[in-house]
């Protein structure tokens, strides 16, 4: 059984009473297999963090790999963010 987080949002454009509102279902899956199962189960959108993070870093590297100063700046920013999350006990 996949482990996933479910977020359900009422469609913003609907003016119907709450009992008839169609929700937008956004879920998080651990892998592509679970994501496919969730899409088959009619999820509107499935977030797969490992895939999304890979796509994000790939785009980042395509844009900035030749700019060492920018990468160092982003490293410092990222380290500060991680320290902040650690201090708050969020990771």
N, C-alpha and C. Protein backbone atom coordinates (compact mmCIF):
# COMPACT_ATOMS: atom_id res chain seq x y z
N UNK A 1 0.85 -1.19 0.00
CA UNK A 1 0.00 0.00 0.00
C UNK A 1 0.89 1.24 0.00
N UNK A 2 0.70 2.13 -0.97
CA UNK A 2 1.54 3.33 -1.00
C UNK A 2 1.27 4.24 0.19
N UNK A 3 2.34 4.91 0.60
CA UNK A 3 2.17 5.91 1.64
C UNK A 3 2.11 7.26 0.94
N UNK A 4 1.11 8.04 1.22
CA UNK A 4 0.99 9.33 0.54
C UNK A 4 0.23 10.31 1.39
N UNK A 5 0.43 11.57 1.07
CA UNK A 5 -0.24 12.68 1.75
C UNK A 5 -1.31 13.20 0.81
N UNK A 6 -2.49 13.48 1.32
CA UNK A 6 -3.59 13.95 0.49
C UNK A 6 -3.95 15.38 0.88
N UNK A 7 -4.05 16.23 -0.14
CA UNK A 7 -4.57 17.58 0.04
C UNK A 7 -5.79 17.72 -0.84
N UNK A 8 -6.88 18.15 -0.28
CA UNK A 8 -8.11 18.30 -1.06
C UNK A 8 -8.54 19.76 -1.00
N UNK A 9 -8.68 20.36 -2.17
CA UNK A 9 -9.06 21.76 -2.26
C UNK A 9 -10.34 21.89 -3.08
N UNK A 10 -11.32 22.65 -2.61
CA UNK A 10 -12.48 22.89 -3.46
C UNK A 10 -12.05 23.70 -4.67
N UNK A 11 -12.61 23.39 -5.80
CA UNK A 11 -12.28 24.14 -7.01
C UNK A 11 -12.68 25.60 -6.80
N UNK A 12 -11.75 26.50 -6.98
CA UNK A 12 -11.94 27.92 -6.65
C UNK A 12 -13.04 28.59 -7.46
N UNK A 13 -13.26 28.11 -8.67
CA UNK A 13 -14.23 28.77 -9.55
C UNK A 13 -15.67 28.37 -9.28
N UNK A 14 -15.90 27.39 -8.44
CA UNK A 14 -17.26 26.90 -8.23
C UNK A 14 -18.04 27.80 -7.28
N UNK A 15 -19.28 28.06 -7.63
CA UNK A 15 -20.17 28.87 -6.81
C UNK A 15 -21.28 28.02 -6.18
N UNK A 16 -21.12 26.71 -6.22
CA UNK A 16 -22.16 25.80 -5.73
C UNK A 16 -22.06 25.65 -4.21
N UNK A 17 -23.14 25.19 -3.58
CA UNK A 17 -23.09 24.91 -2.14
C UNK A 17 -22.02 23.86 -1.84
N UNK A 18 -21.48 23.88 -0.63
CA UNK A 18 -20.38 23.00 -0.25
C UNK A 18 -20.68 21.53 -0.50
N UNK A 19 -21.91 21.11 -0.34
CA UNK A 19 -22.25 19.70 -0.51
C UNK A 19 -22.08 19.23 -1.94
N UNK A 20 -22.08 20.14 -2.90
CA UNK A 20 -21.96 19.74 -4.30
C UNK A 20 -20.65 20.20 -4.94
N UNK A 21 -19.74 20.75 -4.15
CA UNK A 21 -18.47 21.23 -4.69
C UNK A 21 -17.58 20.05 -5.08
N UNK A 22 -16.99 20.14 -6.25
CA UNK A 22 -16.06 19.13 -6.71
C UNK A 22 -14.67 19.53 -6.22
N UNK A 23 -14.02 18.63 -5.50
CA UNK A 23 -12.69 18.92 -4.95
C UNK A 23 -11.60 18.64 -5.98
N UNK A 24 -10.49 19.31 -5.83
CA UNK A 24 -9.28 19.01 -6.58
C UNK A 24 -8.41 18.20 -5.63
N UNK A 25 -8.06 17.00 -6.04
CA UNK A 25 -7.31 16.09 -5.18
C UNK A 25 -5.85 16.08 -5.61
N UNK A 26 -4.98 16.54 -4.71
CA UNK A 26 -3.54 16.55 -4.94
C UNK A 26 -2.92 15.65 -3.90
N UNK A 27 -2.15 14.67 -4.38
CA UNK A 27 -1.53 13.70 -3.47
C UNK A 27 -0.03 13.63 -3.70
N UNK A 28 0.67 13.09 -2.73
CA UNK A 28 2.11 12.90 -2.82
C UNK A 28 2.40 11.40 -2.76
N UNK A 29 3.21 10.92 -3.70
CA UNK A 29 3.59 9.51 -3.74
C UNK A 29 5.09 9.37 -3.59
N UNK A 30 5.52 8.20 -3.13
CA UNK A 30 6.95 7.95 -2.92
C UNK A 30 7.69 7.57 -4.20
N UNK A 31 6.96 7.06 -5.20
CA UNK A 31 7.63 6.61 -6.41
C UNK A 31 6.68 6.65 -7.60
N UNK A 32 7.23 6.41 -8.78
CA UNK A 32 6.43 6.50 -10.01
C UNK A 32 5.34 5.44 -10.07
N UNK A 33 5.62 4.25 -9.55
CA UNK A 33 4.62 3.18 -9.54
C UNK A 33 3.39 3.61 -8.72
N UNK A 34 3.64 4.12 -7.52
CA UNK A 34 2.54 4.58 -6.67
C UNK A 34 1.81 5.76 -7.33
N UNK A 35 2.57 6.64 -7.99
CA UNK A 35 1.95 7.78 -8.67
C UNK A 35 0.99 7.30 -9.75
N UNK A 36 1.40 6.30 -10.52
CA UNK A 36 0.53 5.76 -11.56
C UNK A 36 -0.74 5.18 -10.95
N UNK A 37 -0.59 4.47 -9.83
CA UNK A 37 -1.77 3.91 -9.16
C UNK A 37 -2.72 5.02 -8.71
N UNK A 38 -2.15 6.10 -8.17
CA UNK A 38 -2.99 7.21 -7.70
C UNK A 38 -3.70 7.91 -8.86
N UNK A 39 -3.00 8.08 -9.98
CA UNK A 39 -3.66 8.65 -11.16
C UNK A 39 -4.78 7.73 -11.64
N UNK A 40 -4.54 6.42 -11.63
CA UNK A 40 -5.60 5.47 -12.00
C UNK A 40 -6.78 5.57 -11.04
N UNK A 41 -6.50 5.94 -9.78
CA UNK A 41 -7.54 6.13 -8.79
C UNK A 41 -8.20 7.49 -8.89
N UNK A 42 -7.88 8.25 -9.92
CA UNK A 42 -8.51 9.54 -10.25
C UNK A 42 -7.97 10.74 -9.48
N UNK A 43 -6.76 10.64 -8.94
CA UNK A 43 -6.15 11.83 -8.35
C UNK A 43 -5.98 12.87 -9.45
N UNK A 44 -6.18 14.14 -9.11
CA UNK A 44 -6.02 15.20 -10.12
C UNK A 44 -4.55 15.48 -10.41
N UNK A 45 -3.72 15.44 -9.39
CA UNK A 45 -2.29 15.68 -9.58
C UNK A 45 -1.52 14.92 -8.51
N UNK A 46 -0.43 14.28 -8.92
CA UNK A 46 0.39 13.51 -7.99
C UNK A 46 1.79 14.12 -7.96
N UNK A 47 2.24 14.46 -6.77
CA UNK A 47 3.58 14.99 -6.56
C UNK A 47 4.48 13.82 -6.17
N UNK A 48 5.58 13.64 -6.89
CA UNK A 48 6.59 12.64 -6.54
C UNK A 48 7.86 13.43 -6.22
N UNK A 49 8.14 13.65 -4.93
CA UNK A 49 9.25 14.53 -4.56
C UNK A 49 10.60 14.19 -5.20
N UNK A 50 10.95 12.92 -5.30
CA UNK A 50 12.24 12.56 -5.90
C UNK A 50 12.30 12.97 -7.37
N UNK A 51 11.20 12.80 -8.08
CA UNK A 51 11.17 13.19 -9.49
C UNK A 51 11.20 14.71 -9.62
N UNK A 52 10.38 15.38 -8.81
CA UNK A 52 10.32 16.84 -8.89
C UNK A 52 11.66 17.47 -8.51
N UNK A 53 12.31 16.94 -7.47
CA UNK A 53 13.59 17.52 -7.07
C UNK A 53 14.65 17.28 -8.15
N UNK A 54 14.61 16.13 -8.80
CA UNK A 54 15.54 15.86 -9.90
C UNK A 54 15.33 16.83 -11.05
N UNK A 55 14.07 17.09 -11.39
CA UNK A 55 13.77 18.05 -12.46
C UNK A 55 14.21 19.45 -12.07
N UNK A 56 14.00 19.80 -10.81
CA UNK A 56 14.39 21.13 -10.34
C UNK A 56 15.91 21.32 -10.41
N UNK A 57 16.67 20.36 -9.90
CA UNK A 57 18.12 20.51 -9.89
C UNK A 57 18.67 20.44 -11.31
N UNK A 58 18.06 19.66 -12.18
CA UNK A 58 18.49 19.59 -13.57
C UNK A 58 18.36 20.96 -14.24
N UNK A 59 17.22 21.60 -14.04
CA UNK A 59 17.02 22.94 -14.60
C UNK A 59 17.97 23.95 -14.00
N UNK A 60 18.20 23.86 -12.69
CA UNK A 60 19.12 24.75 -12.00
C UNK A 60 20.52 24.62 -12.60
N UNK A 61 20.97 23.38 -12.78
CA UNK A 61 22.31 23.17 -13.32
C UNK A 61 22.43 23.63 -14.77
N UNK A 62 21.39 23.40 -15.57
CA UNK A 62 21.43 23.88 -16.96
C UNK A 62 21.60 25.39 -17.01
N UNK A 63 20.94 26.10 -16.09
CA UNK A 63 20.99 27.57 -16.10
C UNK A 63 22.25 28.12 -15.45
N UNK A 64 22.79 27.43 -14.44
CA UNK A 64 23.81 28.06 -13.61
C UNK A 64 25.14 27.32 -13.47
N UNK A 65 25.30 26.19 -14.12
CA UNK A 65 26.51 25.41 -13.92
C UNK A 65 27.78 26.19 -14.22
N UNK A 66 27.73 27.09 -15.17
CA UNK A 66 28.93 27.85 -15.54
C UNK A 66 29.14 29.08 -14.64
N UNK A 67 28.22 29.34 -13.72
CA UNK A 67 28.32 30.51 -12.85
C UNK A 67 28.64 30.07 -11.42
N UNK A 68 29.92 29.84 -11.15
CA UNK A 68 30.36 29.33 -9.84
C UNK A 68 29.93 30.26 -8.71
N UNK A 69 30.00 31.58 -8.91
CA UNK A 69 29.62 32.53 -7.86
C UNK A 69 28.15 32.35 -7.47
N UNK A 70 27.29 32.16 -8.45
CA UNK A 70 25.86 31.98 -8.16
C UNK A 70 25.64 30.69 -7.38
N UNK A 71 26.33 29.61 -7.78
CA UNK A 71 26.15 28.34 -7.08
C UNK A 71 26.61 28.46 -5.63
N UNK A 72 27.73 29.15 -5.38
CA UNK A 72 28.21 29.35 -4.01
C UNK A 72 27.19 30.18 -3.22
N UNK A 73 26.64 31.21 -3.85
CA UNK A 73 25.62 32.05 -3.19
C UNK A 73 24.38 31.22 -2.83
N UNK A 74 23.93 30.39 -3.75
CA UNK A 74 22.75 29.55 -3.50
C UNK A 74 23.06 28.50 -2.44
N UNK A 75 24.29 27.99 -2.41
CA UNK A 75 24.70 27.03 -1.39
C UNK A 75 24.56 27.66 -0.01
N UNK A 76 25.05 28.87 0.14
CA UNK A 76 24.96 29.57 1.43
C UNK A 76 23.50 29.79 1.83
N UNK A 77 22.70 30.19 0.88
CA UNK A 77 21.27 30.42 1.15
C UNK A 77 20.60 29.11 1.57
N UNK A 78 20.93 28.03 0.87
CA UNK A 78 20.33 26.73 1.16
C UNK A 78 20.77 26.24 2.54
N UNK A 79 22.06 26.41 2.87
CA UNK A 79 22.56 26.00 4.18
C UNK A 79 21.85 26.77 5.29
N UNK A 80 21.63 28.06 5.10
CA UNK A 80 20.92 28.87 6.11
C UNK A 80 19.50 28.37 6.28
N UNK A 81 18.84 28.02 5.19
CA UNK A 81 17.47 27.50 5.26
C UNK A 81 17.43 26.17 6.01
N UNK A 82 18.39 25.30 5.71
CA UNK A 82 18.44 24.00 6.38
C UNK A 82 18.71 24.19 7.88
N UNK A 83 19.62 25.10 8.24
CA UNK A 83 19.88 25.36 9.66
C UNK A 83 18.60 25.84 10.35
N UNK A 84 17.87 26.74 9.68
CA UNK A 84 16.62 27.26 10.23
C UNK A 84 15.61 26.11 10.45
N UNK A 85 15.47 25.23 9.48
CA UNK A 85 14.55 24.10 9.62
C UNK A 85 14.99 23.18 10.75
N UNK A 86 16.29 22.94 10.85
CA UNK A 86 16.81 22.11 11.95
C UNK A 86 16.50 22.72 13.30
N UNK A 87 16.69 24.03 13.41
CA UNK A 87 16.42 24.73 14.67
C UNK A 87 14.96 24.60 15.07
N UNK A 88 14.09 24.60 14.09
CA UNK A 88 12.66 24.47 14.36
C UNK A 88 12.23 23.02 14.50
N UNK A 89 13.15 22.10 14.27
CA UNK A 89 12.83 20.68 14.37
C UNK A 89 11.96 20.17 13.25
N UNK A 90 12.05 20.79 12.07
CA UNK A 90 11.19 20.41 10.95
C UNK A 90 11.80 19.38 10.04
N UNK A 91 13.09 19.09 10.21
CA UNK A 91 13.70 18.03 9.39
C UNK A 91 14.58 17.17 10.26
